[in-house]
Amino acid sequence: MVDEITPAELRAQMTDGPGAPETDPSLSVVDIRDPSSYAAGHIEGAVNVPPARLSTDALDASWADAEEVVVSCYIGKSSKQVADALDRHLDADVASLRGGFEAWDGPTDDGRSAADGRDASEGPEAPF
């Protein structure tokens, strides 16, 4: 079973640590929500890899080379399952974001925090 990381811990790592996932190759944030939910807003620097695309080919992507991989979904349920699966295939430390994107209150790539105006009913929980 992989560890969970809180939004506050991830935010601190992104701001106080080496940097955001987009500028720090040692950290990857993988958003497993559907592409339309990802496009509507996502954690700054996160890559979108829905579970159906998590094949061995996807594991060759640059994000899979990070020292730490944090998996995020809608509410933190599906990300635990995916993080467990990734943990078996990656050399990285893999964690699941507790509470998922709904709990994220840090920067998003659209320049606002996820808590700013996001309705908890947006997007169904991913099936995996």
N, C-alpha and C. Protein backbone atom coordinates (compact mmCIF):
# COMPACT_ATOMS: atom_id res chain seq x y z
N MET A 1 0.85 -1.18 0.00
CA MET A 1 0.00 0.00 0.00
C MET A 1 0.89 1.25 0.00
N VAL A 2 0.65 2.15 -0.92
CA VAL A 2 1.46 3.37 -1.02
C VAL A 2 1.00 4.39 0.02
N ASP A 3 1.88 5.34 0.27
CA ASP A 3 1.56 6.42 1.20
C ASP A 3 0.65 7.44 0.54
N GLU A 4 -0.04 8.19 1.38
CA GLU A 4 -0.79 9.34 0.90
C GLU A 4 0.00 10.59 1.24
N ILE A 5 -0.13 11.59 0.40
CA ILE A 5 0.46 12.88 0.66
C ILE A 5 -0.68 13.88 0.73
N THR A 6 -0.64 14.77 1.70
CA THR A 6 -1.72 15.76 1.82
C THR A 6 -1.48 16.88 0.82
N PRO A 7 -2.54 17.61 0.48
CA PRO A 7 -2.35 18.77 -0.39
C PRO A 7 -1.33 19.76 0.18
N ALA A 8 -1.35 19.97 1.50
CA ALA A 8 -0.39 20.90 2.12
C ALA A 8 1.04 20.40 1.95
N GLU A 9 1.25 19.09 2.10
CA GLU A 9 2.60 18.54 1.94
C GLU A 9 3.09 18.69 0.49
N LEU A 10 2.20 18.41 -0.46
CA LEU A 10 2.59 18.54 -1.86
C LEU A 10 2.85 20.01 -2.21
N ARG A 11 1.98 20.89 -1.75
CA ARG A 11 2.15 22.32 -2.02
C ARG A 11 3.48 22.81 -1.45
N ALA A 12 3.82 22.38 -0.22
CA ALA A 12 5.09 22.77 0.39
C ALA A 12 6.27 22.23 -0.41
N GLN A 13 6.14 21.02 -0.88
CA GLN A 13 7.21 20.42 -1.68
C GLN A 13 7.39 21.18 -2.99
N MET A 14 6.28 21.64 -3.57
CA MET A 14 6.34 22.36 -4.83
C MET A 14 6.89 23.78 -4.65
N THR A 15 6.64 24.39 -3.49
CA THR A 15 7.09 25.77 -3.30
C THR A 15 8.38 25.87 -2.51
N ASP A 16 8.57 25.00 -1.52
CA ASP A 16 9.77 25.06 -0.69
C ASP A 16 10.85 24.10 -1.17
N GLY A 17 10.44 23.11 -1.94
CA GLY A 17 11.40 22.13 -2.45
C GLY A 17 12.06 22.64 -3.71
N PRO A 18 12.60 21.72 -4.50
CA PRO A 18 13.30 22.11 -5.72
C PRO A 18 12.42 22.87 -6.71
N GLY A 19 11.11 22.59 -6.72
CA GLY A 19 10.26 23.32 -7.65
C GLY A 19 9.03 22.56 -8.07
N ALA A 20 8.28 23.18 -8.96
CA ALA A 20 7.05 22.59 -9.47
C ALA A 20 7.38 21.44 -10.41
N PRO A 21 6.43 20.51 -10.60
CA PRO A 21 6.67 19.37 -11.47
C PRO A 21 7.13 19.77 -12.88
N GLU A 22 6.65 20.91 -13.36
CA GLU A 22 7.02 21.31 -14.72
C GLU A 22 8.48 21.76 -14.82
N THR A 23 9.09 22.14 -13.70
CA THR A 23 10.48 22.59 -13.73
C THR A 23 11.41 21.68 -12.92
N ASP A 24 10.85 20.74 -12.18
CA ASP A 24 11.66 19.85 -11.34
C ASP A 24 11.46 18.41 -11.81
N PRO A 25 12.43 17.85 -12.53
CA PRO A 25 12.26 16.50 -13.04
C PRO A 25 12.24 15.41 -11.97
N SER A 26 12.54 15.76 -10.71
CA SER A 26 12.52 14.74 -9.66
C SER A 26 11.11 14.52 -9.12
N LEU A 27 10.14 15.38 -9.50
CA LEU A 27 8.76 15.26 -9.03
C LEU A 27 7.82 15.25 -10.23
N SER A 28 6.93 14.26 -10.28
CA SER A 28 5.88 14.22 -11.30
C SER A 28 4.54 14.10 -10.60
N VAL A 29 3.58 14.91 -11.04
CA VAL A 29 2.21 14.79 -10.58
C VAL A 29 1.41 14.25 -11.77
N VAL A 30 0.76 13.10 -11.57
CA VAL A 30 0.00 12.44 -12.62
C VAL A 30 -1.48 12.55 -12.27
N ASP A 31 -2.22 13.26 -13.11
CA ASP A 31 -3.66 13.46 -12.93
C ASP A 31 -4.37 12.41 -13.76
N ILE A 32 -5.12 11.52 -13.11
CA ILE A 32 -5.76 10.42 -13.83
C ILE A 32 -7.21 10.69 -14.17
N ARG A 33 -7.67 11.93 -13.97
CA ARG A 33 -9.05 12.26 -14.33
C ARG A 33 -9.20 12.27 -15.85
N ASP A 34 -10.45 12.30 -16.31
CA ASP A 34 -10.68 12.33 -17.75
C ASP A 34 -10.13 13.63 -18.35
N PRO A 35 -9.79 13.61 -19.63
CA PRO A 35 -9.17 14.77 -20.26
C PRO A 35 -9.97 16.08 -20.14
N SER A 36 -11.29 16.02 -20.18
CA SER A 36 -12.07 17.26 -20.08
C SER A 36 -11.99 17.85 -18.68
N SER A 37 -11.97 17.03 -17.65
CA SER A 37 -11.82 17.54 -16.29
C SER A 37 -10.43 18.12 -16.10
N TYR A 38 -9.43 17.45 -16.64
CA TYR A 38 -8.05 17.94 -16.58
C TYR A 38 -7.96 19.30 -17.27
N ALA A 39 -8.57 19.41 -18.45
CA ALA A 39 -8.52 20.67 -19.21
C ALA A 39 -9.20 21.81 -18.47
N ALA A 40 -10.22 21.49 -17.67
CA ALA A 40 -10.95 22.53 -16.92
C ALA A 40 -10.12 23.09 -15.77
N GLY A 41 -9.10 22.38 -15.35
CA GLY A 41 -8.23 22.83 -14.28
C GLY A 41 -7.50 21.65 -13.67
N HIS A 42 -6.21 21.85 -13.40
CA HIS A 42 -5.40 20.77 -12.82
C HIS A 42 -4.24 21.37 -12.05
N ILE A 43 -3.64 20.56 -11.22
CA ILE A 43 -2.50 20.99 -10.43
C ILE A 43 -1.39 21.45 -11.37
N GLU A 44 -0.81 22.57 -11.02
CA GLU A 44 0.24 23.16 -11.84
C GLU A 44 1.33 22.14 -12.16
N GLY A 45 1.59 21.95 -13.44
CA GLY A 45 2.64 21.04 -13.88
C GLY A 45 2.24 19.59 -14.00
N ALA A 46 1.00 19.25 -13.63
CA ALA A 46 0.56 17.86 -13.69
C ALA A 46 0.42 17.40 -15.14
N VAL A 47 0.65 16.10 -15.36
CA VAL A 47 0.41 15.50 -16.66
C VAL A 47 -0.86 14.66 -16.56
N ASN A 48 -1.61 14.62 -17.64
CA ASN A 48 -2.86 13.87 -17.66
C ASN A 48 -2.63 12.50 -18.28
N VAL A 49 -2.83 11.46 -17.48
CA VAL A 49 -2.72 10.09 -17.96
C VAL A 49 -3.89 9.30 -17.38
N PRO A 50 -5.04 9.28 -18.10
CA PRO A 50 -6.17 8.49 -17.61
C PRO A 50 -5.77 7.02 -17.47
N PRO A 51 -6.38 6.30 -16.54
CA PRO A 51 -6.00 4.91 -16.29
C PRO A 51 -5.97 4.02 -17.54
N ALA A 52 -6.86 4.27 -18.48
CA ALA A 52 -6.88 3.45 -19.70
C ALA A 52 -5.60 3.61 -20.51
N ARG A 53 -4.87 4.71 -20.32
CA ARG A 53 -3.62 4.96 -21.04
C ARG A 53 -2.39 4.54 -20.24
N LEU A 54 -2.59 4.00 -19.05
CA LEU A 54 -1.45 3.58 -18.23
C LEU A 54 -0.99 2.18 -18.63
N SER A 55 -0.37 2.12 -19.76
CA SER A 55 0.18 0.85 -20.24
C SER A 55 1.69 0.88 -20.05
N THR A 56 2.32 -0.16 -20.45
CA THR A 56 3.78 -0.18 -20.34
C THR A 56 4.40 0.90 -21.20
N ASP A 57 3.74 1.29 -22.30
CA ASP A 57 4.25 2.39 -23.13
C ASP A 57 4.25 3.69 -22.34
N ALA A 58 3.18 3.95 -21.58
CA ALA A 58 3.09 5.18 -20.79
C ALA A 58 4.16 5.21 -19.72
N LEU A 59 4.56 4.05 -19.24
CA LEU A 59 5.59 4.00 -18.20
C LEU A 59 6.97 4.39 -18.73
N ASP A 60 7.09 4.48 -20.05
CA ASP A 60 8.33 4.95 -20.66
C ASP A 60 8.36 6.47 -20.80
N ALA A 61 7.28 7.14 -20.45
CA ALA A 61 7.20 8.60 -20.56
C ALA A 61 8.15 9.26 -19.56
N SER A 62 8.49 10.50 -19.84
CA SER A 62 9.46 11.20 -18.99
C SER A 62 9.00 11.33 -17.54
N TRP A 63 7.68 11.45 -17.30
CA TRP A 63 7.21 11.58 -15.93
C TRP A 63 7.53 10.33 -15.10
N ALA A 64 7.65 9.20 -15.75
CA ALA A 64 7.92 7.95 -15.03
C ALA A 64 9.36 7.86 -14.54
N ASP A 65 10.21 8.76 -14.99
CA ASP A 65 11.62 8.77 -14.56
C ASP A 65 11.85 9.59 -13.30
N ALA A 66 10.82 10.22 -12.78
CA ALA A 66 10.97 11.07 -11.60
C ALA A 66 11.31 10.24 -10.36
N GLU A 67 11.92 10.91 -9.39
CA GLU A 67 12.21 10.24 -8.11
C GLU A 67 10.94 10.04 -7.30
N GLU A 68 10.00 10.98 -7.45
CA GLU A 68 8.72 10.88 -6.74
C GLU A 68 7.58 11.13 -7.71
N VAL A 69 6.56 10.27 -7.66
CA VAL A 69 5.37 10.40 -8.49
C VAL A 69 4.18 10.50 -7.55
N VAL A 70 3.39 11.57 -7.71
CA VAL A 70 2.17 11.76 -6.93
C VAL A 70 1.00 11.61 -7.88
N VAL A 71 0.06 10.74 -7.54
CA VAL A 71 -1.10 10.47 -8.38
C VAL A 71 -2.32 11.18 -7.79
N SER A 72 -3.05 11.89 -8.66
CA SER A 72 -4.23 12.63 -8.24
C SER A 72 -5.42 12.23 -9.10
N CYS A 73 -6.60 12.16 -8.46
CA CYS A 73 -7.84 11.89 -9.18
C CYS A 73 -8.86 12.93 -8.72
N TYR A 74 -10.15 12.60 -8.74
CA TYR A 74 -11.18 13.54 -8.31
C TYR A 74 -11.17 13.75 -6.80
N ILE A 75 -11.27 12.63 -6.05
CA ILE A 75 -11.40 12.76 -4.59
C ILE A 75 -10.39 11.91 -3.81
N GLY A 76 -9.45 11.32 -4.48
CA GLY A 76 -8.40 10.57 -3.80
C GLY A 76 -8.65 9.09 -3.65
N LYS A 77 -9.72 8.59 -4.23
CA LYS A 77 -10.03 7.17 -4.11
C LYS A 77 -9.35 6.35 -5.22
N SER A 78 -9.59 6.72 -6.44
CA SER A 78 -9.00 6.00 -7.57
C SER A 78 -7.49 6.15 -7.62
N SER A 79 -7.00 7.29 -7.16
CA SER A 79 -5.55 7.52 -7.21
C SER A 79 -4.81 6.52 -6.32
N LYS A 80 -5.43 6.06 -5.26
CA LYS A 80 -4.79 5.06 -4.40
C LYS A 80 -4.55 3.77 -5.18
N GLN A 81 -5.56 3.33 -5.93
CA GLN A 81 -5.44 2.09 -6.71
C GLN A 81 -4.38 2.23 -7.79
N VAL A 82 -4.41 3.35 -8.49
CA VAL A 82 -3.44 3.57 -9.57
C VAL A 82 -2.03 3.71 -8.99
N ALA A 83 -1.91 4.41 -7.87
CA ALA A 83 -0.59 4.57 -7.23
C ALA A 83 -0.04 3.22 -6.81
N ASP A 84 -0.89 2.34 -6.28
CA ASP A 84 -0.45 0.99 -5.91
C ASP A 84 0.09 0.25 -7.14
N ALA A 85 -0.63 0.35 -8.26
CA ALA A 85 -0.19 -0.33 -9.49
C ALA A 85 1.12 0.27 -9.99
N LEU A 86 1.23 1.60 -9.99
CA LEU A 86 2.46 2.24 -10.45
C LEU A 86 3.64 1.89 -9.56
N ASP A 87 3.38 1.76 -8.27
CA ASP A 87 4.45 1.46 -7.32
C ASP A 87 5.13 0.12 -7.64
N ARG A 88 4.36 -0.78 -8.22
CA ARG A 88 4.92 -2.09 -8.58
C ARG A 88 5.78 -2.03 -9.84
N HIS A 89 5.64 -0.96 -10.63
CA HIS A 89 6.33 -0.88 -11.92
C HIS A 89 7.39 0.22 -12.01
N LEU A 90 7.41 1.13 -11.08
CA LEU A 90 8.35 2.25 -11.13
C LEU A 90 9.38 2.15 -10.02
N ASP A 91 10.54 2.72 -10.26
CA ASP A 91 11.57 2.80 -9.23
C ASP A 91 11.34 4.00 -8.32
N ALA A 92 10.39 4.84 -8.64
CA ALA A 92 10.12 6.07 -7.89
C ALA A 92 9.37 5.79 -6.59
N ASP A 93 9.42 6.79 -5.69
CA ASP A 93 8.52 6.79 -4.54
C ASP A 93 7.17 7.25 -5.07
N VAL A 94 6.14 6.45 -4.88
CA VAL A 94 4.82 6.77 -5.42
C VAL A 94 3.88 7.06 -4.26
N ALA A 95 3.08 8.12 -4.40
CA ALA A 95 2.11 8.50 -3.37
C ALA A 95 0.81 8.89 -4.04
N SER A 96 -0.26 8.83 -3.27
CA SER A 96 -1.59 9.25 -3.71
C SER A 96 -1.93 10.56 -3.01
N LEU A 97 -2.50 11.51 -3.75
CA LEU A 97 -2.89 12.79 -3.16
C LEU A 97 -4.18 12.61 -2.37
N ARG A 98 -4.10 12.77 -1.06
CA ARG A 98 -5.26 12.61 -0.19
C ARG A 98 -6.32 13.66 -0.55
N GLY A 99 -7.52 13.20 -0.83
CA GLY A 99 -8.62 14.10 -1.17
C GLY A 99 -8.67 14.49 -2.63
N GLY A 100 -7.67 14.11 -3.40
CA GLY A 100 -7.65 14.38 -4.84
C GLY A 100 -7.71 15.86 -5.17
N PHE A 101 -8.12 16.14 -6.41
CA PHE A 101 -8.16 17.52 -6.89
C PHE A 101 -9.18 18.34 -6.10
N GLU A 102 -10.23 17.70 -5.60
CA GLU A 102 -11.23 18.43 -4.80
C GLU A 102 -10.61 19.04 -3.56
N ALA A 103 -9.58 18.42 -3.01
CA ALA A 103 -8.95 18.93 -1.79
C ALA A 103 -7.80 19.90 -2.10
N TRP A 104 -7.36 19.94 -3.35
CA TRP A 104 -6.22 20.78 -3.73
C TRP A 104 -6.58 22.25 -3.62
N ASP A 105 -5.77 22.99 -2.88
CA ASP A 105 -6.02 24.43 -2.76
C ASP A 105 -4.80 25.23 -3.19
N GLY A 106 -3.91 24.58 -3.90
CA GLY A 106 -2.72 25.25 -4.40
C GLY A 106 -2.92 25.73 -5.82
N PRO A 107 -1.83 26.14 -6.46
CA PRO A 107 -1.93 26.70 -7.80
C PRO A 107 -2.33 25.66 -8.84
N THR A 108 -3.11 26.13 -9.79
CA THR A 108 -3.49 25.30 -10.93
C THR A 108 -2.92 25.96 -12.18
N ASP A 109 -2.91 25.23 -13.27
CA ASP A 109 -2.35 25.80 -14.49
C ASP A 109 -3.23 26.88 -15.10
N ASP A 110 -4.47 27.01 -14.60
CA ASP A 110 -5.28 28.12 -15.10
C ASP A 110 -5.16 29.34 -14.18
N GLY A 111 -4.20 29.30 -13.23
CA GLY A 111 -3.89 30.47 -12.43
C GLY A 111 -4.74 30.70 -11.21
N ARG A 112 -5.60 29.78 -10.86
CA ARG A 112 -6.41 29.93 -9.65
C ARG A 112 -6.31 28.66 -8.84
N SER A 113 -6.71 28.74 -7.61
CA SER A 113 -6.67 27.55 -6.78
C SER A 113 -7.90 26.71 -7.09
N ALA A 114 -7.79 25.41 -6.92
CA ALA A 114 -8.91 24.52 -7.21
C ALA A 114 -10.11 24.85 -6.36
N ALA A 115 -9.90 25.38 -5.18
CA ALA A 115 -11.00 25.70 -4.28
C ALA A 115 -11.79 26.92 -4.74
N ASP A 116 -11.24 27.71 -5.65
CA ASP A 116 -11.91 28.91 -6.14
C ASP A 116 -13.01 28.56 -7.14
N GLY A 117 -14.21 28.36 -6.65
CA GLY A 117 -15.34 28.18 -7.52
C GLY A 117 -15.55 26.79 -8.08
N ARG A 118 -14.79 25.82 -7.66
CA ARG A 118 -15.03 24.47 -8.16
C ARG A 118 -16.16 23.84 -7.38
N ASP A 119 -17.07 23.26 -8.08
CA ASP A 119 -18.20 22.58 -7.49
C ASP A 119 -17.82 21.12 -7.26
N ALA A 120 -18.03 20.62 -6.06
CA ALA A 120 -17.65 19.25 -5.72
C ALA A 120 -18.37 18.22 -6.58
N SER A 121 -19.46 18.61 -7.22
CA SER A 121 -20.19 17.66 -8.06
C SER A 121 -19.61 17.57 -9.46
N GLU A 122 -18.61 18.39 -9.79
CA GLU A 122 -18.02 18.34 -11.12
C GLU A 122 -17.27 17.04 -11.31
N GLY A 123 -17.59 16.36 -12.35
CA GLY A 123 -16.86 15.16 -12.71
C GLY A 123 -17.14 13.99 -11.80
N PRO A 124 -17.45 12.85 -12.39
CA PRO A 124 -17.66 11.63 -11.60
C PRO A 124 -16.33 11.06 -11.15
N GLU A 125 -16.37 10.27 -10.11
CA GLU A 125 -15.16 9.56 -9.68
C GLU A 125 -14.80 8.58 -10.79
N ALA A 126 -13.55 8.55 -11.15
CA ALA A 126 -13.09 7.66 -12.21
C ALA A 126 -13.34 6.21 -11.80
N PRO A 127 -13.66 5.34 -12.76
CA PRO A 127 -13.96 3.95 -12.42
C PRO A 127 -12.77 3.18 -11.91
N PHE A 128 -11.55 3.67 -12.15
CA PHE A 128 -10.35 2.97 -11.68
C PHE A 128 -9.41 3.93 -11.03
